Amino acid sequence: NPQVNLQLQVQRVRTDNGTEFKNKTLAKFFDEVGITQQFSAVKRHNKMVSWKGGIEP
């Protein structure tokens, strides 16, 4: 545990939007120990493709 071994305070945790991270139990724990929880943005695929020398949306 880095918080204990190195005597560091975790300030922020960033995770994906998986259900194992996005739940009330974990949110309550982070709130109790003063940790900010952030969720990463969903990656979007670029929908533009090259078509006959031009760009097609």
C-alpha atoms as a PDB file:
ATOM      1  CA  ASN A   1       0.000   0.000   0.000  1.00  0.00           C
ATOM      2  CA  PRO A   2       1.833   3.154  -1.202  1.00  0.00           C
ATOM      3  CA  GLN A   3      -0.161   5.394   1.140  1.00  0.00           C
ATOM      4  CA  VAL A   4       1.178   3.532   4.176  1.00  0.00           C
ATOM      5  CA  ASN A   5       4.669   2.459   3.027  1.00  0.00           C
ATOM      6  CA  LEU A   6       5.683   5.827   1.573  1.00  0.00           C
ATOM      7  CA  GLN A   7       3.502   7.964   3.835  1.00  0.00           C
ATOM      8  CA  LEU A   8       1.842   9.569   0.816  1.00  0.00           C
ATOM      9  CA  GLN A   9      -1.729  10.808   0.556  1.00  0.00           C
ATOM     10  CA  VAL A  10      -3.668   9.680  -2.509  1.00  0.00           C
ATOM     11  CA  GLN A  11      -5.545  12.719  -3.803  1.00  0.00           C
ATOM     12  CA  ARG A  12      -7.206  11.466  -6.970  1.00  0.00           C
ATOM     13  CA  VAL A  13      -8.094   8.135  -8.589  1.00  0.00           C
ATOM     14  CA  ARG A  14      -8.991   7.980 -12.290  1.00  0.00           C
ATOM     15  CA  THR A  15     -10.707   4.861 -13.619  1.00  0.00           C
ATOM     16  CA  ASP A  16     -12.777   3.772 -16.573  1.00  0.00           C
ATOM     17  CA  ASN A  17     -16.576   3.632 -16.332  1.00  0.00           C
ATOM     18  CA  GLY A  18     -16.681  -0.058 -15.411  1.00  0.00           C
ATOM     19  CA  THR A  19     -19.238  -1.136 -12.825  1.00  0.00           C
ATOM     20  CA  GLU A  20     -16.457  -2.359 -10.526  1.00  0.00           C
ATOM     21  CA  PHE A  21     -15.378   1.290 -10.147  1.00  0.00           C
ATOM     22  CA  LYS A  22     -18.660   3.160 -10.605  1.00  0.00           C
ATOM     23  CA  ASN A  23     -20.694   2.212  -7.555  1.00  0.00           C
ATOM     24  CA  LYS A  24     -21.955   3.749  -4.325  1.00  0.00           C
ATOM     25  CA  THR A  25     -19.735   1.662  -2.031  1.00  0.00           C
ATOM     26  CA  LEU A  26     -16.490   2.799  -3.636  1.00  0.00           C
ATOM     27  CA  ALA A  27     -17.760   6.384  -3.968  1.00  0.00           C
ATOM     28  CA  LYS A  28     -18.563   6.424  -0.239  1.00  0.00           C
ATOM     29  CA  PHE A  29     -15.105   5.061   0.642  1.00  0.00           C
ATOM     30  CA  PHE A  30     -13.331   7.673  -1.494  1.00  0.00           C
ATOM     31  CA  ASP A  31     -15.460  10.402   0.076  1.00  0.00           C
ATOM     32  CA  GLU A  32     -14.659   9.199   3.609  1.00  0.00           C
ATOM     33  CA  VAL A  33     -10.891   9.178   3.018  1.00  0.00           C
ATOM     34  CA  GLY A  34     -10.811  12.420   1.002  1.00  0.00           C
ATOM     35  CA  ILE A  35      -9.997  10.969  -2.418  1.00  0.00           C
ATOM     36  CA  THR A  36     -11.455  12.508  -5.580  1.00  0.00           C
ATOM     37  CA  GLN A  37     -12.717   9.921  -8.069  1.00  0.00           C
ATOM     38  CA  GLN A  38     -12.616  10.744 -11.772  1.00  0.00           C
ATOM     39  CA  PHE A  39     -13.828   8.707 -14.716  1.00  0.00           C
ATOM     40  CA  SER A  40     -11.974   8.643 -18.012  1.00  0.00           C
ATOM     41  CA  ALA A  41     -13.787   9.740 -21.154  1.00  0.00           C
ATOM     42  CA  VAL A  42     -14.984   7.103 -23.580  1.00  0.00           C
ATOM     43  CA  LYS A  43     -12.770   6.949 -26.637  1.00  0.00           C
ATOM     44  CA  ARG A  44     -14.613   7.731 -29.852  1.00  0.00           C
ATOM     45  CA  HIS A  45     -13.724   6.335 -33.227  1.00  0.00           C
ATOM     46  CA  ASN A  46     -13.088   8.772 -36.024  1.00  0.00           C
ATOM     47  CA  LYS A  47     -16.050   8.336 -38.397  1.00  0.00           C
ATOM     48  CA  MET A  48     -14.408  10.116 -41.311  1.00  0.00           C
ATOM     49  CA  VAL A  49     -12.963   7.910 -44.029  1.00  0.00           C
ATOM     50  CA  SER A  50     -11.134   8.651 -47.233  1.00  0.00           C
ATOM     51  CA  TRP A  51     -13.385   7.969 -50.231  1.00  0.00           C
ATOM     52  CA  LYS A  52     -12.374   8.451 -53.881  1.00  0.00           C
ATOM     53  CA  GLY A  53      -9.826  11.092 -53.025  1.00  0.00           C
ATOM     54  CA  GLY A  54     -12.181  13.053 -50.775  1.00  0.00           C
ATOM     55  CA  ILE A  55     -13.390  12.884 -47.227  1.00  0.00           C
ATOM     56  CA  GLU A  56     -16.726  11.236 -46.531  1.00  0.00           C
ATOM     57  CA  PRO A  57     -18.341  11.877 -43.133  1.00  0.00           C
END
